[in-house]
Amino acid sequence: MRIAVDLNRCQGYAQCAFLAPEIFAMHGEEALLYNPEADEAQREKLAQAATACPVQAILVDAVDVPAEAVSGER
């Protein structure tokens, strides 16, 4: 999964950092830091964080992995 945050829209409410601290963190009072490529295991927390954003600044894109990459075949 890939994550994008519209930092022009983000107002620093920090709901995402509260709900998914493994992905989002506040740096100071207004600057948001985040991991743009979240682990699949964090999908539920990421969905909660994106939904909780008061200004809907978090965009999540599910990345399809080719079958051979998953199985190790070439």
PDB file of N, CA and C in Angstrom:
ATOM      1  N   MET A   1       0.842  -1.173   0.000  1.00  0.00           N
ATOM      2  CA  MET A   1       0.000   0.000   0.000  1.00  0.00           C
ATOM      3  C   MET A   1       0.888   1.237   0.000  1.00  0.00           C
ATOM      4  N   ARG A   2       0.433   2.216  -0.731  1.00  0.00           N
ATOM      5  CA  ARG A   2       1.130   3.496  -0.733  1.00  0.00           C
ATOM      6  C   ARG A   2       0.224   4.552  -0.115  1.00  0.00           C
ATOM      7  N   ILE A   3       0.858   5.471   0.574  1.00  0.00           N
ATOM      8  CA  ILE A   3       0.131   6.536   1.254  1.00  0.00           C
ATOM      9  C   ILE A   3       0.630   7.869   0.725  1.00  0.00           C
ATOM     10  N   ALA A   4      -0.309   8.777   0.522  1.00  0.00           N
ATOM     11  CA  ALA A   4       0.051  10.154   0.192  1.00  0.00           C
ATOM     12  C   ALA A   4      -0.762  11.060   1.104  1.00  0.00           C
ATOM     13  N   VAL A   5      -0.107  12.074   1.615  1.00  0.00           N
ATOM     14  CA  VAL A   5      -0.793  13.040   2.454  1.00  0.00           C
ATOM     15  C   VAL A   5      -0.675  14.399   1.772  1.00  0.00           C
ATOM     16  N   ASP A   6      -1.808  15.034   1.565  1.00  0.00           N
ATOM     17  CA  ASP A   6      -1.821  16.381   1.009  1.00  0.00           C
ATOM     18  C   ASP A   6      -1.420  17.326   2.132  1.00  0.00           C
ATOM     19  N   LEU A   7      -0.137  17.672   2.171  1.00  0.00           N
ATOM     20  CA  LEU A   7       0.378  18.483   3.268  1.00  0.00           C
ATOM     21  C   LEU A   7      -0.120  19.929   3.217  1.00  0.00           C
ATOM     22  N   ASN A   8      -0.637  20.349   2.062  1.00  0.00           N
ATOM     23  CA  ASN A   8      -1.270  21.667   1.985  1.00  0.00           C
ATOM     24  C   ASN A   8      -2.634  21.660   2.656  1.00  0.00           C
ATOM     25  N   ARG A   9      -3.268  20.507   2.645  1.00  0.00           N
ATOM     26  CA  ARG A   9      -4.589  20.362   3.258  1.00  0.00           C
ATOM     27  C   ARG A   9      -4.496  20.015   4.744  1.00  0.00           C
ATOM     28  N   CYS A  10      -3.453  19.260   5.121  1.00  0.00           N
ATOM     29  CA  CYS A  10      -3.277  18.822   6.510  1.00  0.00           C
ATOM     30  C   CYS A  10      -3.211  20.028   7.444  1.00  0.00           C
ATOM     31  N   GLN A  11      -3.968  19.959   8.521  1.00  0.00           N
ATOM     32  CA  GLN A  11      -4.008  21.044   9.502  1.00  0.00           C
ATOM     33  C   GLN A  11      -3.360  20.664  10.832  1.00  0.00           C
ATOM     34  N   GLY A  12      -2.762  19.490  10.904  1.00  0.00           N
ATOM     35  CA  GLY A  12      -2.044  19.069  12.109  1.00  0.00           C
ATOM     36  C   GLY A  12      -2.934  18.642  13.263  1.00  0.00           C
ATOM     37  N   TYR A  13      -4.119  18.121  12.955  1.00  0.00           N
ATOM     38  CA  TYR A  13      -5.002  17.657  14.024  1.00  0.00           C
ATOM     39  C   TYR A  13      -4.459  16.420  14.733  1.00  0.00           C
ATOM     40  N   ALA A  14      -3.591  15.672  14.079  1.00  0.00           N
ATOM     41  CA  ALA A  14      -2.872  14.517  14.635  1.00  0.00           C
ATOM     42  C   ALA A  14      -3.744  13.304  14.939  1.00  0.00           C
ATOM     43  N   GLN A  15      -4.932  13.232  14.381  1.00  0.00           N
ATOM     44  CA  GLN A  15      -5.764  12.042  14.572  1.00  0.00           C
ATOM     45  C   GLN A  15      -5.079  10.818  13.976  1.00  0.00           C
ATOM     46  N   CYS A  16      -4.405  10.996  12.844  1.00  0.00           N
ATOM     47  CA  CYS A  16      -3.707   9.880  12.206  1.00  0.00           C
ATOM     48  C   CYS A  16      -2.568   9.367  13.084  1.00  0.00           C
ATOM     49  N   ALA A  17      -1.813  10.283  13.679  1.00  0.00           N
ATOM     50  CA  ALA A  17      -0.697   9.886  14.547  1.00  0.00           C
ATOM     51  C   ALA A  17      -1.194   9.167  15.796  1.00  0.00           C
ATOM     52  N   PHE A  18      -2.356   9.539  16.267  1.00  0.00           N
ATOM     53  CA  PHE A  18      -2.948   8.882  17.431  1.00  0.00           C
ATOM     54  C   PHE A  18      -3.420   7.474  17.073  1.00  0.00           C
ATOM     55  N   LEU A  19      -4.059   7.321  15.914  1.00  0.00           N
ATOM     56  CA  LEU A  19      -4.636   6.032  15.523  1.00  0.00           C
ATOM     57  C   LEU A  19      -3.639   5.067  14.878  1.00  0.00           C
ATOM     58  N   ALA A  20      -2.620   5.597  14.226  1.00  0.00           N
ATOM     59  CA  ALA A  20      -1.634   4.741  13.549  1.00  0.00           C
ATOM     60  C   ALA A  20      -0.221   5.290  13.775  1.00  0.00           C
ATOM     61  N   PRO A  21       0.278   5.211  15.012  1.00  0.00           N
ATOM     62  CA  PRO A  21       1.590   5.785  15.315  1.00  0.00           C
ATOM     63  C   PRO A  21       2.753   5.085  14.609  1.00  0.00           C
ATOM     64  N   GLU A  22       2.537   3.885  14.090  1.00  0.00           N
ATOM     65  CA  GLU A  22       3.577   3.182  13.353  1.00  0.00           C
ATOM     66  C   GLU A  22       3.784   3.802  11.976  1.00  0.00           C
ATOM     67  N   ILE A  23       2.791   4.541  11.506  1.00  0.00           N
ATOM     68  CA  ILE A  23       2.824   5.123  10.165  1.00  0.00           C
ATOM     69  C   ILE A  23       2.998   6.638  10.213  1.00  0.00           C
ATOM     70  N   PHE A  24       2.289   7.296  11.120  1.00  0.00           N
ATOM     71  CA  PHE A  24       2.267   8.755  11.189  1.00  0.00           C
ATOM     72  C   PHE A  24       2.873   9.251  12.498  1.00  0.00           C
ATOM     73  N   ALA A  25       3.541  10.389  12.427  1.00  0.00           N
ATOM     74  CA  ALA A  25       4.087  11.018  13.625  1.00  0.00           C
ATOM     75  C   ALA A  25       4.107  12.526  13.420  1.00  0.00           C
ATOM     76  N   MET A  26       3.844  13.242  14.484  1.00  0.00           N
ATOM     77  CA  MET A  26       3.920  14.696  14.426  1.00  0.00           C
ATOM     78  C   MET A  26       5.334  15.121  14.787  1.00  0.00           C
ATOM     79  N   HIS A  27       5.857  16.050  14.028  1.00  0.00           N
ATOM     80  CA  HIS A  27       7.161  16.648  14.300  1.00  0.00           C
ATOM     81  C   HIS A  27       6.885  18.104  14.668  1.00  0.00           C
ATOM     82  N   GLY A  28       6.952  18.381  15.939  1.00  0.00           N
ATOM     83  CA  GLY A  28       6.525  19.696  16.406  1.00  0.00           C
ATOM     84  C   GLY A  28       5.007  19.720  16.513  1.00  0.00           C
ATOM     85  N   GLU A  29       4.435  20.873  16.394  1.00  0.00           N
ATOM     86  CA  GLU A  29       2.982  20.982  16.530  1.00  0.00           C
ATOM     87  C   GLU A  29       2.233  20.907  15.209  1.00  0.00           C
ATOM     88  N   GLU A  30       2.923  21.126  14.087  1.00  0.00           N
ATOM     89  CA  GLU A  30       2.201  21.177  12.818  1.00  0.00           C
ATOM     90  C   GLU A  30       2.757  20.280  11.719  1.00  0.00           C
ATOM     91  N   ALA A  31       3.994  19.838  11.815  1.00  0.00           N
ATOM     92  CA  ALA A  31       4.607  19.065  10.736  1.00  0.00           C
ATOM     93  C   ALA A  31       4.320  17.572  10.896  1.00  0.00           C
ATOM     94  N   LEU A  32       3.801  16.974   9.841  1.00  0.00           N
ATOM     95  CA  LEU A  32       3.469  15.551   9.854  1.00  0.00           C
ATOM     96  C   LEU A  32       4.548  14.766   9.118  1.00  0.00           C
ATOM     97  N   LEU A  33       5.028  13.710   9.742  1.00  0.00           N
ATOM     98  CA  LEU A  33       5.941  12.761   9.118  1.00  0.00           C
ATOM     99  C   LEU A  33       5.175  11.458   8.936  1.00  0.00           C
ATOM    100  N   TYR A  34       5.437  10.740   7.834  1.00  0.00           N
ATOM    101  CA  TYR A  34       4.736   9.474   7.618  1.00  0.00           C
ATOM    102  C   TYR A  34       5.546   8.556   6.723  1.00  0.00           C
ATOM    103  N   ASN A  35       5.258   7.270   6.830  1.00  0.00           N
ATOM    104  CA  ASN A  35       5.878   6.252   5.995  1.00  0.00           C
ATOM    105  C   ASN A  35       4.991   6.095   4.762  1.00  0.00           C
ATOM    106  N   PRO A  36       5.459   6.470   3.566  1.00  0.00           N
ATOM    107  CA  PRO A  36       4.606   6.418   2.377  1.00  0.00           C
ATOM    108  C   PRO A  36       4.265   5.008   1.897  1.00  0.00           C
ATOM    109  N   GLU A  37       4.975   4.001   2.393  1.00  0.00           N
ATOM    110  CA  GLU A  37       4.689   2.623   1.988  1.00  0.00           C
ATOM    111  C   GLU A  37       4.426   1.778   3.222  1.00  0.00           C
ATOM    112  N   ALA A  38       3.179   1.754   3.625  1.00  0.00           N
ATOM    113  CA  ALA A  38       2.787   1.020   4.829  1.00  0.00           C
ATOM    114  C   ALA A  38       2.745  -0.477   4.563  1.00  0.00           C
ATOM    115  N   ASP A  39       2.984  -1.225   5.610  1.00  0.00           N
ATOM    116  CA  ASP A  39       2.915  -2.678   5.563  1.00  0.00           C
ATOM    117  C   ASP A  39       1.450  -3.116   5.480  1.00  0.00           C
ATOM    118  N   GLU A  40       1.203  -4.189   4.779  1.00  0.00           N
ATOM    119  CA  GLU A  40      -0.158  -4.713   4.627  1.00  0.00           C
ATOM    120  C   GLU A  40      -0.813  -5.004   5.979  1.00  0.00           C
ATOM    121  N   ALA A  41      -0.016  -5.377   6.960  1.00  0.00           N
ATOM    122  CA  ALA A  41      -0.539  -5.690   8.293  1.00  0.00           C
ATOM    123  C   ALA A  41      -1.129  -4.456   8.973  1.00  0.00           C
ATOM    124  N   GLN A  42      -0.778  -3.279   8.490  1.00  0.00           N
ATOM    125  CA  GLN A  42      -1.262  -2.041   9.088  1.00  0.00           C
ATOM    126  C   GLN A  42      -2.493  -1.472   8.381  1.00  0.00           C
ATOM    127  N   ARG A  43      -3.062  -2.251   7.474  1.00  0.00           N
ATOM    128  CA  ARG A  43      -4.187  -1.780   6.652  1.00  0.00           C
ATOM    129  C   ARG A  43      -5.352  -1.249   7.497  1.00  0.00           C
ATOM    130  N   GLU A  44      -5.746  -1.961   8.530  1.00  0.00           N
ATOM    131  CA  GLU A  44      -6.902  -1.548   9.324  1.00  0.00           C
ATOM    132  C   GLU A  44      -6.636  -0.228  10.052  1.00  0.00           C
ATOM    133  N   LYS A  45      -5.475  -0.110  10.673  1.00  0.00           N
ATOM    134  CA  LYS A  45      -5.135   1.142  11.368  1.00  0.00           C
ATOM    135  C   LYS A  45      -5.037   2.304  10.380  1.00  0.00           C
ATOM    136  N   LEU A  46      -4.490   2.035   9.214  1.00  0.00           N
ATOM    137  CA  LEU A  46      -4.372   3.069   8.193  1.00  0.00           C
ATOM    138  C   LEU A  46      -5.748   3.534   7.722  1.00  0.00           C
ATOM    139  N   ALA A  47      -6.659   2.599   7.532  1.00  0.00           N
ATOM    140  CA  ALA A  47      -8.020   2.954   7.121  1.00  0.00           C
ATOM    141  C   ALA A  47      -8.706   3.800   8.194  1.00  0.00           C
ATOM    142  N   GLN A  48      -8.510   3.445   9.443  1.00  0.00           N
ATOM    143  CA  GLN A  48      -9.091   4.234  10.537  1.00  0.00           C
ATOM    144  C   GLN A  48      -8.513   5.644  10.566  1.00  0.00           C
ATOM    145  N   ALA A  49      -7.208   5.743  10.374  1.00  0.00           N
ATOM    146  CA  ALA A  49      -6.550   7.046  10.391  1.00  0.00           C
ATOM    147  C   ALA A  49      -7.021   7.920   9.234  1.00  0.00           C
ATOM    148  N   ALA A  50      -7.137   7.337   8.049  1.00  0.00           N
ATOM    149  CA  ALA A  50      -7.591   8.104   6.888  1.00  0.00           C
ATOM    150  C   ALA A  50      -9.027   8.575   7.074  1.00  0.00           C
ATOM    151  N   THR A  51      -9.863   7.729   7.629  1.00  0.00           N
ATOM    152  CA  THR A  51     -11.262   8.089   7.870  1.00  0.00           C
ATOM    153  C   THR A  51     -11.381   9.158   8.942  1.00  0.00           C
ATOM    154  N   ALA A  52     -10.519   9.120   9.931  1.00  0.00           N
ATOM    155  CA  ALA A  52     -10.589  10.067  11.049  1.00  0.00           C
ATOM    156  C   ALA A  52     -10.047  11.447  10.711  1.00  0.00           C
ATOM    157  N   CYS A  53      -9.336  11.583   9.611  1.00  0.00           N
ATOM    158  CA  CYS A  53      -8.757  12.880   9.252  1.00  0.00           C
ATOM    159  C   CYS A  53      -9.876  13.893   8.989  1.00  0.00           C
ATOM    160  N   PRO A  54      -9.947  14.965   9.778  1.00  0.00           N
ATOM    161  CA  PRO A  54     -11.031  15.934   9.630  1.00  0.00           C
ATOM    162  C   PRO A  54     -11.045  16.657   8.284  1.00  0.00           C
ATOM    163  N   VAL A  55      -9.889  16.739   7.621  1.00  0.00           N
ATOM    164  CA  VAL A  55      -9.831  17.444   6.341  1.00  0.00           C
ATOM    165  C   VAL A  55      -9.591  16.495   5.165  1.00  0.00           C
ATOM    166  N   GLN A  56      -9.652  15.191   5.429  1.00  0.00           N
ATOM    167  CA  GLN A  56      -9.485  14.150   4.408  1.00  0.00           C
ATOM    168  C   GLN A  56      -8.212  14.353   3.581  1.00  0.00           C
ATOM    169  N   ALA A  57      -7.088  14.552   4.277  1.00  0.00           N
ATOM    170  CA  ALA A  57      -5.807  14.805   3.620  1.00  0.00           C
ATOM    171  C   ALA A  57      -5.040  13.525   3.289  1.00  0.00           C
ATOM    172  N   ILE A  58      -5.503  12.374   3.783  1.00  0.00           N
ATOM    173  CA  ILE A  58      -4.770  11.114   3.601  1.00  0.00           C
ATOM    174  C   ILE A  58      -5.376  10.314   2.458  1.00  0.00           C
ATOM    175  N   LEU A  59      -4.537   9.963   1.499  1.00  0.00           N
ATOM    176  CA  LEU A  59      -4.958   9.150   0.366  1.00  0.00           C
ATOM    177  C   LEU A  59      -4.225   7.819   0.435  1.00  0.00           C
ATOM    178  N   VAL A  60      -4.950   6.723   0.256  1.00  0.00           N
ATOM    179  CA  VAL A  60      -4.364   5.386   0.323  1.00  0.00           C
ATOM    180  C   VAL A  60      -4.577   4.710  -1.019  1.00  0.00           C
ATOM    181  N   ASP A  61      -3.500   4.137  -1.550  1.00  0.00           N
ATOM    182  CA  ASP A  61      -3.550   3.453  -2.835  1.00  0.00           C
ATOM    183  C   ASP A  61      -3.084   2.019  -2.622  1.00  0.00           C
ATOM    184  N   ALA A  62      -3.958   1.070  -2.871  1.00  0.00           N
ATOM    185  CA  ALA A  62      -3.568  -0.339  -2.761  1.00  0.00           C
ATOM    186  C   ALA A  62      -2.718  -0.677  -3.975  1.00  0.00           C
ATOM    187  N   VAL A  63      -1.549  -1.224  -3.731  1.00  0.00           N
ATOM    188  CA  VAL A  63      -0.623  -1.571  -4.805  1.00  0.00           C
ATOM    189  C   VAL A  63      -0.742  -3.054  -5.065  1.00  0.00           C
ATOM    190  N   ASP A  64      -1.020  -3.406  -6.310  1.00  0.00           N
ATOM    191  CA  ASP A  64      -1.093  -4.812  -6.680  1.00  0.00           C
ATOM    192  C   ASP A  64       0.315  -5.343  -6.912  1.00  0.00           C
ATOM    193  N   VAL A  65       0.617  -6.451  -6.249  1.00  0.00           N
ATOM    194  CA  VAL A  65       1.924  -7.088  -6.401  1.00  0.00           C
ATOM    195  C   VAL A  65       1.774  -8.219  -7.407  1.00  0.00           C
ATOM    196  N   PRO A  66       2.646  -8.276  -8.430  1.00  0.00           N
ATOM    197  CA  PRO A  66       2.563  -9.379  -9.393  1.00  0.00           C
ATOM    198  C   PRO A  66       2.671 -10.729  -8.699  1.00  0.00           C
ATOM    199  N   ALA A  67       1.936 -11.704  -9.195  1.00  0.00           N
ATOM    200  CA  ALA A  67       1.883 -13.043  -8.578  1.00  0.00           C
ATOM    201  C   ALA A  67       3.281 -13.653  -8.454  1.00  0.00           C
ATOM    202  N   GLU A  68       4.151 -13.448  -9.462  1.00  0.00           N
ATOM    203  CA  GLU A  68       5.476 -14.057  -9.388  1.00  0.00           C
ATOM    204  C   GLU A  68       6.316 -13.434  -8.280  1.00  0.00           C
ATOM    205  N   ALA A  69       6.050 -12.190  -7.925  1.00  0.00           N
ATOM    206  CA  ALA A  69       6.781 -11.566  -6.822  1.00  0.00           C
ATOM    207  C   ALA A  69       6.382 -12.158  -5.486  1.00  0.00           C
ATOM    208  N   VAL A  70       5.129 -12.558  -5.367  1.00  0.00           N
ATOM    209  CA  VAL A  70       4.635 -13.159  -4.132  1.00  0.00           C
ATOM    210  C   VAL A  70       5.118 -14.588  -3.997  1.00  0.00           C
ATOM    211  N   SER A  71       5.070 -15.343  -5.088  1.00  0.00           N
ATOM    212  CA  SER A  71       5.439 -16.762  -5.029  1.00  0.00           C
ATOM    213  C   SER A  71       6.931 -16.993  -5.185  1.00  0.00           C
ATOM    214  N   GLY A  72       7.659 -15.970  -5.645  1.00  0.00           N
ATOM    215  CA  GLY A  72       9.089 -16.130  -5.835  1.00  0.00           C
ATOM    216  C   GLY A  72       9.452 -16.690  -7.194  1.00  0.00           C
ATOM    217  N   GLU A  73       8.475 -16.939  -8.078  1.00  0.00           N
ATOM    218  CA  GLU A  73       8.724 -17.469  -9.414  1.00  0.00           C
ATOM    219  C   GLU A  73       9.220 -16.377 -10.342  1.00  0.00           C
ATOM    220  N   ARG A  74       9.957 -16.770 -11.383  1.00  0.00           N
ATOM    221  CA  ARG A  74      10.424 -15.800 -12.377  1.00  0.00           C
ATOM    222  C   ARG A  74      10.246 -16.347 -13.755  1.00  0.00           C
TER     223      ARG A  74
END
